[in-house]
N, C-alpha and C. Protein backbone atom coordinates (compact mmCIF):
# COMPACT_ATOMS: atom_id res chain seq x y z
N MET A 1 0.83 -1.20 0.00
CA MET A 1 0.00 0.00 0.00
C MET A 1 0.87 1.26 0.00
N ARG A 2 2.04 1.19 0.62
CA ARG A 2 2.90 2.37 0.71
C ARG A 2 3.26 2.93 -0.67
N PRO A 3 3.69 2.09 -1.63
CA PRO A 3 4.04 2.66 -2.94
C PRO A 3 2.85 3.34 -3.62
N VAL A 4 1.66 2.80 -3.44
CA VAL A 4 0.48 3.39 -4.07
C VAL A 4 0.19 4.76 -3.45
N ASN A 5 0.23 4.85 -2.13
CA ASN A 5 -0.02 6.12 -1.46
C ASN A 5 1.03 7.17 -1.83
N LEU A 6 2.28 6.76 -1.88
CA LEU A 6 3.34 7.70 -2.22
C LEU A 6 3.30 8.12 -3.69
N ALA A 7 2.94 7.19 -4.56
CA ALA A 7 2.80 7.54 -5.98
C ALA A 7 1.64 8.51 -6.17
N PHE A 8 0.55 8.28 -5.47
CA PHE A 8 -0.59 9.19 -5.54
C PHE A 8 -0.20 10.55 -5.00
N ARG A 9 0.58 10.58 -3.94
CA ARG A 9 1.03 11.84 -3.36
C ARG A 9 1.87 12.62 -4.38
N PHE A 10 2.77 11.92 -5.08
CA PHE A 10 3.60 12.57 -6.08
C PHE A 10 2.74 13.13 -7.21
N ALA A 11 1.74 12.38 -7.62
CA ALA A 11 0.82 12.87 -8.66
C ALA A 11 0.08 14.11 -8.18
N LEU A 12 -0.30 14.15 -6.92
CA LEU A 12 -0.96 15.33 -6.36
C LEU A 12 -0.02 16.53 -6.34
N GLU A 13 1.24 16.29 -6.02
CA GLU A 13 2.23 17.37 -6.02
C GLU A 13 2.37 17.96 -7.44
N LEU A 14 2.45 17.10 -8.43
CA LEU A 14 2.56 17.56 -9.81
C LEU A 14 1.30 18.31 -10.24
N ALA A 15 0.15 17.81 -9.81
CA ALA A 15 -1.11 18.48 -10.13
C ALA A 15 -1.16 19.87 -9.48
N ALA A 16 -0.63 19.99 -8.28
CA ALA A 16 -0.60 21.30 -7.61
C ALA A 16 0.29 22.27 -8.40
N LEU A 17 1.43 21.81 -8.86
CA LEU A 17 2.30 22.68 -9.66
C LEU A 17 1.60 23.09 -10.96
N ALA A 18 0.88 22.16 -11.56
CA ALA A 18 0.11 22.49 -12.76
C ALA A 18 -0.98 23.51 -12.45
N ALA A 19 -1.57 23.42 -11.28
CA ALA A 19 -2.59 24.39 -10.87
C ALA A 19 -2.00 25.79 -10.74
N PHE A 20 -0.82 25.88 -10.16
CA PHE A 20 -0.17 27.19 -10.04
C PHE A 20 0.20 27.74 -11.41
N ALA A 21 0.64 26.87 -12.31
CA ALA A 21 0.94 27.31 -13.68
C ALA A 21 -0.32 27.79 -14.38
N THR A 22 -1.40 27.07 -14.21
CA THR A 22 -2.68 27.47 -14.81
C THR A 22 -3.10 28.85 -14.31
N TRP A 23 -2.97 29.06 -13.02
CA TRP A 23 -3.31 30.37 -12.46
C TRP A 23 -2.45 31.46 -13.11
N GLY A 24 -1.15 31.23 -13.22
CA GLY A 24 -0.26 32.21 -13.81
C GLY A 24 -0.61 32.54 -15.25
N LEU A 25 -1.03 31.53 -15.99
CA LEU A 25 -1.40 31.73 -17.38
C LEU A 25 -2.69 32.52 -17.54
N HIS A 26 -3.55 32.47 -16.53
CA HIS A 26 -4.84 33.15 -16.61
C HIS A 26 -4.89 34.47 -15.85
N ALA A 27 -3.91 34.74 -15.02
CA ALA A 27 -3.95 35.93 -14.17
C ALA A 27 -3.67 37.22 -14.94
N VAL A 28 -2.81 37.14 -15.94
CA VAL A 28 -2.47 38.32 -16.74
C VAL A 28 -2.46 37.92 -18.21
N GLY A 29 -2.44 38.92 -19.08
CA GLY A 29 -2.40 38.66 -20.51
C GLY A 29 -1.03 38.92 -21.09
N GLY A 30 -0.89 38.59 -22.34
CA GLY A 30 0.35 38.87 -23.06
C GLY A 30 1.49 37.96 -22.65
N PRO A 31 2.70 38.35 -23.03
CA PRO A 31 3.86 37.51 -22.73
C PRO A 31 4.16 37.39 -21.24
N ALA A 32 3.67 38.34 -20.45
CA ALA A 32 3.92 38.28 -19.01
C ALA A 32 3.28 37.07 -18.37
N ARG A 33 2.27 36.51 -19.01
CA ARG A 33 1.58 35.37 -18.42
C ARG A 33 2.50 34.15 -18.33
N LEU A 34 3.40 34.00 -19.29
CA LEU A 34 4.35 32.88 -19.23
C LEU A 34 5.33 33.07 -18.08
N ALA A 35 5.77 34.30 -17.90
CA ALA A 35 6.70 34.59 -16.80
C ALA A 35 6.01 34.38 -15.45
N LEU A 36 4.76 34.81 -15.34
CA LEU A 36 4.03 34.63 -14.08
C LEU A 36 3.78 33.15 -13.80
N ALA A 37 3.44 32.39 -14.83
CA ALA A 37 3.23 30.95 -14.65
C ALA A 37 4.51 30.28 -14.17
N ALA A 38 5.62 30.62 -14.80
CA ALA A 38 6.90 30.03 -14.39
C ALA A 38 7.27 30.45 -12.98
N ALA A 39 7.07 31.72 -12.65
CA ALA A 39 7.40 32.21 -11.31
C ALA A 39 6.53 31.53 -10.26
N ALA A 40 5.26 31.34 -10.56
CA ALA A 40 4.35 30.69 -9.60
C ALA A 40 4.78 29.25 -9.34
N VAL A 41 5.13 28.55 -10.41
CA VAL A 41 5.58 27.16 -10.26
C VAL A 41 6.89 27.10 -9.49
N LEU A 42 7.82 27.97 -9.81
CA LEU A 42 9.11 27.97 -9.10
C LEU A 42 8.94 28.30 -7.63
N ALA A 43 8.09 29.27 -7.32
CA ALA A 43 7.86 29.64 -5.92
C ALA A 43 7.22 28.48 -5.16
N ALA A 44 6.22 27.85 -5.77
CA ALA A 44 5.55 26.72 -5.12
C ALA A 44 6.52 25.55 -4.92
N ALA A 45 7.32 25.28 -5.95
CA ALA A 45 8.29 24.19 -5.84
C ALA A 45 9.35 24.50 -4.78
N ALA A 46 9.72 25.75 -4.64
CA ALA A 46 10.69 26.12 -3.62
C ALA A 46 10.13 25.90 -2.22
N VAL A 47 8.88 26.28 -2.02
CA VAL A 47 8.24 26.08 -0.71
C VAL A 47 8.16 24.59 -0.40
N TRP A 48 7.66 23.82 -1.37
CA TRP A 48 7.53 22.38 -1.16
C TRP A 48 8.90 21.73 -0.94
N GLY A 49 9.85 22.09 -1.79
CA GLY A 49 11.18 21.49 -1.70
C GLY A 49 11.90 21.82 -0.41
N ARG A 50 11.66 22.98 0.12
CA ARG A 50 12.34 23.41 1.34
C ARG A 50 11.76 22.76 2.60
N TRP A 51 10.43 22.73 2.71
CA TRP A 51 9.82 22.34 3.98
C TRP A 51 9.01 21.06 3.97
N ALA A 52 8.68 20.51 2.80
CA ALA A 52 7.81 19.34 2.79
C ALA A 52 8.38 18.14 2.04
N ALA A 53 9.30 18.35 1.14
CA ALA A 53 9.83 17.24 0.34
C ALA A 53 10.58 16.23 1.22
N PRO A 54 10.37 14.95 0.97
CA PRO A 54 11.02 13.93 1.80
C PRO A 54 12.55 14.01 1.81
N ALA A 55 13.16 14.46 0.75
CA ALA A 55 14.62 14.52 0.68
C ALA A 55 15.20 15.84 1.21
N SER A 56 14.35 16.76 1.63
CA SER A 56 14.84 18.07 2.09
C SER A 56 15.58 17.95 3.41
N ARG A 57 16.69 18.64 3.50
CA ARG A 57 17.44 18.69 4.76
C ARG A 57 16.74 19.59 5.78
N HIS A 58 15.79 20.39 5.32
CA HIS A 58 15.08 21.32 6.20
C HIS A 58 13.60 20.93 6.34
N ARG A 59 13.30 19.68 6.07
CA ARG A 59 11.91 19.22 6.14
C ARG A 59 11.39 19.42 7.56
N LEU A 60 10.22 19.99 7.63
CA LEU A 60 9.61 20.24 8.93
C LEU A 60 9.08 18.93 9.52
N ALA A 61 9.04 18.91 10.83
CA ALA A 61 8.41 17.78 11.52
C ALA A 61 6.92 18.07 11.66
N ASP A 62 6.14 17.04 11.83
CA ASP A 62 4.71 17.24 12.08
C ASP A 62 4.55 17.84 13.47
N PRO A 63 3.59 18.68 13.71
CA PRO A 63 2.46 19.04 12.87
C PRO A 63 2.75 20.23 11.94
N ALA A 64 3.91 20.86 12.04
CA ALA A 64 4.20 22.03 11.19
C ALA A 64 4.19 21.65 9.72
N ARG A 65 4.74 20.48 9.38
CA ARG A 65 4.76 20.06 7.98
C ARG A 65 3.34 19.83 7.46
N LEU A 66 2.48 19.27 8.29
CA LEU A 66 1.10 19.06 7.88
C LEU A 66 0.43 20.40 7.58
N LEU A 67 0.71 21.41 8.37
CA LEU A 67 0.14 22.74 8.11
C LEU A 67 0.64 23.30 6.78
N VAL A 68 1.92 23.12 6.49
CA VAL A 68 2.47 23.58 5.21
C VAL A 68 1.81 22.82 4.06
N GLU A 69 1.65 21.51 4.21
CA GLU A 69 1.03 20.72 3.16
C GLU A 69 -0.42 21.14 2.91
N VAL A 70 -1.17 21.34 3.98
CA VAL A 70 -2.56 21.75 3.83
C VAL A 70 -2.63 23.13 3.15
N ALA A 71 -1.78 24.05 3.59
CA ALA A 71 -1.76 25.39 2.98
C ALA A 71 -1.37 25.32 1.51
N PHE A 72 -0.37 24.50 1.18
CA PHE A 72 0.11 24.36 -0.19
C PHE A 72 -1.00 23.84 -1.11
N PHE A 73 -1.66 22.76 -0.70
CA PHE A 73 -2.69 22.17 -1.55
C PHE A 73 -3.96 23.01 -1.56
N THR A 74 -4.26 23.68 -0.47
CA THR A 74 -5.41 24.58 -0.46
C THR A 74 -5.17 25.75 -1.42
N ALA A 75 -3.95 26.28 -1.41
CA ALA A 75 -3.61 27.37 -2.34
C ALA A 75 -3.69 26.89 -3.78
N ALA A 76 -3.24 25.67 -4.04
CA ALA A 76 -3.33 25.12 -5.40
C ALA A 76 -4.79 24.97 -5.81
N GLY A 77 -5.63 24.49 -4.91
CA GLY A 77 -7.05 24.38 -5.20
C GLY A 77 -7.68 25.73 -5.44
N ALA A 78 -7.30 26.72 -4.63
CA ALA A 78 -7.82 28.08 -4.82
C ALA A 78 -7.35 28.65 -6.15
N ALA A 79 -6.11 28.35 -6.54
CA ALA A 79 -5.60 28.83 -7.82
C ALA A 79 -6.46 28.31 -8.97
N LEU A 80 -6.85 27.05 -8.88
CA LEU A 80 -7.74 26.51 -9.91
C LEU A 80 -9.12 27.15 -9.83
N GLY A 81 -9.59 27.40 -8.63
CA GLY A 81 -10.88 28.05 -8.46
C GLY A 81 -10.93 29.43 -9.08
N ILE A 82 -9.85 30.16 -8.95
CA ILE A 82 -9.77 31.51 -9.52
C ILE A 82 -9.87 31.47 -11.04
N THR A 83 -9.39 30.39 -11.63
CA THR A 83 -9.44 30.26 -13.09
C THR A 83 -10.76 29.68 -13.59
N GLY A 84 -11.71 29.50 -12.69
CA GLY A 84 -13.01 28.96 -13.09
C GLY A 84 -13.10 27.46 -13.00
N ARG A 85 -12.14 26.84 -12.40
CA ARG A 85 -12.14 25.38 -12.25
C ARG A 85 -12.30 25.02 -10.77
N GLY A 86 -13.34 25.55 -10.17
CA GLY A 86 -13.55 25.39 -8.73
C GLY A 86 -13.75 23.96 -8.28
N VAL A 87 -14.50 23.19 -9.05
CA VAL A 87 -14.74 21.79 -8.68
C VAL A 87 -13.44 21.01 -8.73
N LEU A 88 -12.65 21.22 -9.77
CA LEU A 88 -11.36 20.55 -9.89
C LEU A 88 -10.43 20.98 -8.76
N GLY A 89 -10.43 22.27 -8.44
CA GLY A 89 -9.60 22.77 -7.35
C GLY A 89 -10.00 22.18 -6.01
N ALA A 90 -11.29 22.10 -5.76
CA ALA A 90 -11.76 21.49 -4.51
C ALA A 90 -11.40 20.02 -4.45
N ALA A 91 -11.52 19.32 -5.57
CA ALA A 91 -11.17 17.90 -5.61
C ALA A 91 -9.68 17.70 -5.33
N LEU A 92 -8.84 18.56 -5.89
CA LEU A 92 -7.40 18.48 -5.64
C LEU A 92 -7.10 18.68 -4.16
N ALA A 93 -7.66 19.72 -3.58
CA ALA A 93 -7.39 20.02 -2.18
C ALA A 93 -7.89 18.91 -1.27
N VAL A 94 -9.09 18.43 -1.50
CA VAL A 94 -9.66 17.37 -0.66
C VAL A 94 -8.85 16.08 -0.80
N ALA A 95 -8.50 15.71 -2.02
CA ALA A 95 -7.72 14.49 -2.24
C ALA A 95 -6.36 14.59 -1.56
N ALA A 96 -5.72 15.75 -1.65
CA ALA A 96 -4.40 15.91 -1.06
C ALA A 96 -4.45 15.87 0.46
N VAL A 97 -5.42 16.54 1.04
CA VAL A 97 -5.54 16.53 2.50
C VAL A 97 -5.90 15.12 2.99
N ALA A 98 -6.78 14.43 2.28
CA ALA A 98 -7.13 13.06 2.64
C ALA A 98 -5.91 12.15 2.53
N ASN A 99 -5.12 12.34 1.48
CA ASN A 99 -3.91 11.55 1.30
C ASN A 99 -2.92 11.82 2.43
N ALA A 100 -2.76 13.08 2.81
CA ALA A 100 -1.85 13.44 3.91
C ALA A 100 -2.29 12.76 5.20
N GLY A 101 -3.58 12.77 5.46
CA GLY A 101 -4.09 12.10 6.65
C GLY A 101 -3.87 10.60 6.61
N LEU A 102 -4.12 10.00 5.45
CA LEU A 102 -3.93 8.56 5.30
C LEU A 102 -2.46 8.17 5.47
N LEU A 103 -1.57 8.95 4.89
CA LEU A 103 -0.14 8.65 5.04
C LEU A 103 0.27 8.68 6.50
N ARG A 104 -0.27 9.62 7.25
CA ARG A 104 0.07 9.72 8.67
C ARG A 104 -0.61 8.62 9.48
N LEU A 105 -1.84 8.33 9.15
CA LEU A 105 -2.58 7.28 9.85
C LEU A 105 -1.88 5.93 9.70
N LEU A 106 -1.36 5.69 8.52
CA LEU A 106 -0.68 4.42 8.24
C LEU A 106 0.83 4.49 8.52
N HIS A 107 1.28 5.60 9.08
CA HIS A 107 2.70 5.81 9.41
C HIS A 107 3.60 5.61 8.19
N GLN A 108 3.20 6.21 7.08
CA GLN A 108 3.95 6.06 5.84
C GLN A 108 4.71 7.32 5.44
N THR A 109 4.82 8.27 6.33
CA THR A 109 5.60 9.47 6.01
C THR A 109 7.03 9.27 6.51
N ALA A 110 7.97 9.84 5.78
CA ALA A 110 9.35 9.78 6.21
C ALA A 110 9.57 10.82 7.30
N PRO A 111 10.44 10.54 8.25
CA PRO A 111 10.70 11.53 9.29
C PRO A 111 11.43 12.74 8.74
N SER A 112 11.36 13.85 9.47
CA SER A 112 12.07 15.04 9.05
C SER A 112 13.56 14.81 9.22
N LYS A 113 14.37 15.56 8.50
CA LYS A 113 15.81 15.39 8.55
C LYS A 113 16.49 16.48 9.37
N GLU A 114 15.70 17.30 10.05
CA GLU A 114 16.30 18.35 10.87
C GLU A 114 17.10 17.71 11.99
N GLY A 115 18.24 18.30 12.25
CA GLY A 115 19.09 17.80 13.32
C GLY A 115 20.01 16.68 12.89
N ARG A 116 19.88 16.22 11.66
CA ARG A 116 20.76 15.18 11.16
C ARG A 116 21.96 15.83 10.47
N PRO A 117 23.09 15.17 10.51
CA PRO A 117 24.27 15.74 9.82
C PRO A 117 24.15 15.72 8.33
């Protein structure tokens, strides 16, 4: 079950990045929309990579990491909602939060690496 949950989690992470890109493409017009989409994806990836990614040296411990994850996926869902894809955004946020809870319930999350050499 662990590989399935983790693979689903990775797919949710990619979907969240796509949601931020979608928001960037719809927030402004002209060539700036590509720059905004790229900036939104890079900013989101930086947040995730710094505090939530399993391989991060600065990964937060729970419950702080859970708060970051919920905020990240809620923001991704809201980004889709702003573009008129509210149902899809809500589905993304709900699926991600449910997955986060399931991973913790089944003790399938990797520990944080803070304090390790």
